[in-house]
Amino acid sequence: MVRNQEQEKRQCCLIVPEVIWTELSAHLLGSDLERFAYLLGRAEVHSDRPGRRVVTIRTRYALLLPDAALAVQTPTRVEVAADISRTVLRTCYEHALSLVDVHSHPGTSTPAVFSEPDRDNAVETHREFHATIPARPPVVAASLVLTHTGVDGLWFDPDAGRLAPLDIPSVANAPLPHLSASTGAQP
C-alpha cells in the first residue's frame, strides 16, 4: 500500500555543530542592530515511526554576514544585499544544500518569536527557494530568529505548502539552551 504524502505527518529538526552555534550566536547578538547569517547543510528524510516522516538538516557551514553585506539594517529590520542572496542560492543549487536564514531581534527580553513581517518574508523566500532548487536530493528552507532569551524556528514543508514549527533545534544533538514556545519547548 502506498501512503499519500499529504496525509503523512512531517517534522523538521535542525542540528548545528557547537562551534558553528557559538560563532553564530556571538555574531548575531553582538550588536544593537539586527544581524543576519545563513546556515547551509544537508537534509535527510527518514521515518521515525509508521506514518511520520522526519526531515533533519545537518548544518555544515555558516555564512556570518558582515554589516556591509546588508542592504537594510535597523534595530527592527534586516535585508541582505541581492547579489549576496543570489550567490548563496546558486551555491545551494550547485551543491544540493538546504538553507537556513538566521537573524537576530536584539534588545528584547521577551521570548524569541517571528514577527508577522518575518513570517510573510519566510513564506515568500522559502517558496522561491523550493521553486529554484531541485528537490532531489532533499533540500529544505528554514528560518531562525535569535534573541538573548531564546530561539524560534520555522521551516517550509513543500509537500504541505506551508510554514511549520522547526522542532527543537539542537547543538550537536543537545537542545539549544533557550527555546521559544512555538518550537514546543519552554525557555
Protein backbone atom coordinates (compact mmCIF):
# COMPACT_ATOMS: atom_id res chain seq x y z
CA MET A 1 0.00 0.00 0.00
CA VAL A 2 1.39 3.42 -0.98
CA ARG A 3 0.80 6.11 1.59
CA ASN A 4 -0.29 9.56 0.41
CA GLN A 5 2.49 12.01 1.32
CA GLU A 6 0.00 14.79 2.04
CA GLN A 7 -1.60 12.67 4.78
CA GLU A 8 1.71 11.87 6.48
CA LYS A 9 2.73 13.90 9.48
CA ARG A 10 6.10 15.59 8.96
CA GLN A 11 8.53 17.27 11.24
CA CYS A 12 11.86 19.01 10.67
CA CYS A 13 14.84 19.08 13.01
CA LEU A 14 17.95 21.24 12.74
CA ILE A 15 21.32 20.11 14.07
CA VAL A 16 24.08 22.70 14.40
CA PRO A 17 27.66 21.83 15.44
CA GLU A 18 28.59 23.57 18.69
CA VAL A 19 31.45 25.57 17.14
CA ILE A 20 29.08 26.96 14.48
CA TRP A 21 26.39 27.78 17.07
CA THR A 22 28.89 29.61 19.29
CA GLU A 23 30.15 31.75 16.40
CA LEU A 24 26.63 32.31 15.06
CA SER A 25 25.15 33.50 18.35
CA ALA A 26 28.16 35.74 19.11
CA HIS A 27 27.86 37.35 15.66
CA LEU A 28 24.09 37.84 15.74
CA LEU A 29 23.86 39.09 19.31
CA GLY A 30 26.97 41.29 19.16
CA SER A 31 25.06 44.41 18.05
CA ASP A 32 22.04 46.52 18.94
CA LEU A 33 21.00 46.27 15.28
CA GLU A 34 19.51 43.19 13.63
CA ARG A 35 22.14 40.94 12.08
CA PHE A 36 21.92 38.10 9.59
CA ALA A 37 23.57 34.79 8.75
CA TYR A 38 22.98 31.77 6.56
CA LEU A 39 23.39 28.16 7.64
CA LEU A 40 23.95 25.64 4.86
CA GLY A 41 23.65 21.91 5.27
CA ARG A 42 22.43 18.56 4.05
CA ALA A 43 18.88 17.39 4.56
CA GLU A 44 17.89 13.81 5.01
CA VAL A 45 14.43 12.29 5.21
CA HIS A 46 13.55 9.20 7.19
CA SER A 47 10.61 7.71 9.07
CA ASP A 48 10.83 7.57 12.83
CA ARG A 49 7.60 5.56 13.06
CA PRO A 50 4.86 4.47 10.65
CA GLY A 51 3.07 7.41 9.09
CA ARG A 52 5.57 10.09 10.09
CA ARG A 53 8.46 11.40 8.04
CA VAL A 54 11.25 13.37 9.68
CA VAL A 55 13.42 15.85 7.84
CA THR A 56 16.77 16.51 9.52
CA ILE A 57 19.01 19.38 8.43
CA ARG A 58 22.63 18.81 9.44
CA THR A 59 24.41 22.15 9.31
CA ARG A 60 27.82 22.08 7.64
CA TYR A 61 28.60 25.75 7.03
CA ALA A 62 27.74 29.18 8.41
CA LEU A 63 27.98 32.39 6.45
CA LEU A 64 28.05 35.19 9.03
CA LEU A 65 27.21 38.28 7.02
CA PRO A 66 29.09 41.43 7.90
CA ASP A 67 27.02 44.57 8.34
CA ALA A 68 28.36 45.84 4.99
CA ALA A 69 26.63 42.91 3.21
CA LEU A 70 23.21 44.16 4.29
CA ALA A 71 21.10 46.44 2.13
CA VAL A 72 18.98 47.45 5.16
CA GLN A 73 19.94 47.18 8.83
CA THR A 74 17.96 48.72 11.69
CA PRO A 75 17.04 47.63 15.21
CA THR A 76 13.87 46.06 13.74
CA ARG A 77 14.68 45.11 10.16
CA VAL A 78 17.44 43.49 8.14
CA GLU A 79 17.69 42.84 4.42
CA VAL A 80 20.55 41.08 2.65
CA ALA A 81 22.05 42.65 -0.48
CA ALA A 82 20.56 40.98 -3.58
CA ASP A 83 23.92 39.89 -5.02
CA ILE A 84 24.79 38.06 -1.79
CA SER A 85 21.41 36.26 -1.77
CA ARG A 86 21.85 35.22 -5.41
CA THR A 87 25.31 33.83 -4.69
CA VAL A 88 24.04 31.82 -1.72
CA LEU A 89 21.11 30.44 -3.74
CA ARG A 90 23.45 29.48 -6.58
CA THR A 91 25.67 27.65 -4.09
CA CYS A 92 22.66 25.76 -2.72
CA TYR A 93 21.60 24.87 -6.26
CA GLU A 94 25.05 23.69 -7.36
CA HIS A 95 25.72 21.63 -4.23
CA ALA A 96 22.17 20.50 -3.26
CA LEU A 97 22.34 22.28 0.08
CA SER A 98 19.50 23.21 2.37
CA LEU A 99 19.32 26.82 3.53
CA VAL A 100 18.50 28.23 6.96
CA ASP A 101 18.38 32.01 7.19
CA VAL A 102 19.00 33.34 10.69
CA HIS A 103 18.51 36.84 12.04
CA SER A 104 18.53 38.48 15.45
CA HIS A 105 15.98 40.50 17.35
CA PRO A 106 18.34 42.43 19.63
CA GLY A 107 17.37 44.33 22.74
CA THR A 108 14.31 42.27 23.59
CA SER A 109 13.76 40.37 26.80
CA THR A 110 10.65 38.59 25.52
CA PRO A 111 10.80 35.04 24.16
CA ALA A 112 12.04 34.68 20.59
CA VAL A 113 9.14 34.77 18.16
CA PHE A 114 8.76 35.54 14.48
CA SER A 115 7.05 38.84 13.75
CA GLU A 116 4.29 38.91 11.14
CA PRO A 117 6.67 40.52 8.57
CA ASP A 118 9.24 37.78 9.38
CA ARG A 119 6.60 35.09 8.68
CA ASP A 120 5.48 36.76 5.45
CA ASN A 121 9.10 37.02 4.28
CA ALA A 122 9.77 33.38 5.21
CA VAL A 123 6.78 32.16 3.18
CA GLU A 124 7.90 34.17 0.14
CA THR A 125 11.60 33.31 0.28
CA HIS A 126 11.06 29.65 1.16
CA ARG A 127 8.63 29.18 -1.75
CA GLU A 128 11.16 30.84 -4.08
CA PHE A 129 13.88 28.54 -2.74
CA HIS A 130 11.82 25.42 -3.40
CA ALA A 131 10.84 26.68 -6.87
CA THR A 132 14.54 27.22 -7.70
CA ILE A 133 16.39 24.33 -6.06
CA PRO A 134 15.82 20.74 -7.30
CA ALA A 135 14.01 18.60 -4.72
CA ARG A 136 16.39 15.65 -5.09
CA PRO A 137 18.47 15.08 -3.12
CA PRO A 138 16.15 16.51 -0.47
CA VAL A 139 16.60 20.21 0.24
CA VAL A 140 14.81 22.33 2.81
CA ALA A 141 14.36 26.04 3.51
CA ALA A 142 14.07 27.16 7.12
CA SER A 143 14.44 30.27 9.26
CA LEU A 144 15.58 31.04 12.79
CA VAL A 145 15.20 34.17 14.88
CA LEU A 146 17.56 34.57 17.81
CA THR A 147 17.32 36.84 20.87
CA HIS A 148 19.24 36.98 24.12
CA THR A 149 16.45 34.92 25.69
CA GLY A 150 15.76 32.30 23.05
CA VAL A 151 15.45 30.97 19.54
CA ASP A 152 12.45 30.27 17.34
CA GLY A 153 12.40 28.26 14.13
CA LEU A 154 10.16 27.73 11.12
CA TRP A 155 10.58 25.54 8.06
CA PHE A 156 8.68 25.36 4.80
CA ASP A 157 7.09 21.96 4.22
CA PRO A 158 6.97 21.79 0.40
CA ASP A 159 4.53 18.87 0.45
CA ALA A 160 2.02 20.81 2.55
CA GLY A 161 2.93 24.18 1.01
CA ARG A 162 3.09 25.95 4.35
CA LEU A 163 5.33 27.03 7.22
CA ALA A 164 5.58 24.75 10.23
CA PRO A 165 7.47 24.99 13.52
CA LEU A 166 11.02 23.72 13.38
CA ASP A 167 11.26 21.04 16.04
CA ILE A 168 13.69 21.77 18.82
CA PRO A 169 16.87 22.96 17.10
CA SER A 170 19.89 21.32 18.67
CA VAL A 171 23.61 21.83 19.02
CA ALA A 172 25.41 18.57 18.31
CA ASN A 173 22.26 16.63 19.26
CA ALA A 174 21.76 18.54 22.56
CA PRO A 175 18.85 21.01 22.73
CA LEU A 176 19.74 24.67 22.46
CA PRO A 177 19.78 26.44 25.81
CA HIS A 178 16.80 28.72 25.12
CA LEU A 179 13.83 27.70 23.01
CA SER A 180 10.66 29.51 22.06
CA ALA A 181 7.22 28.24 22.94
CA SER A 182 6.41 27.83 19.25
CA THR A 183 9.04 25.09 18.95
CA GLY A 184 7.28 23.16 21.67
CA ALA A 185 9.89 23.77 24.38
CA GLN A 186 9.96 26.21 27.23
CA PRO A 187 12.78 28.73 27.76
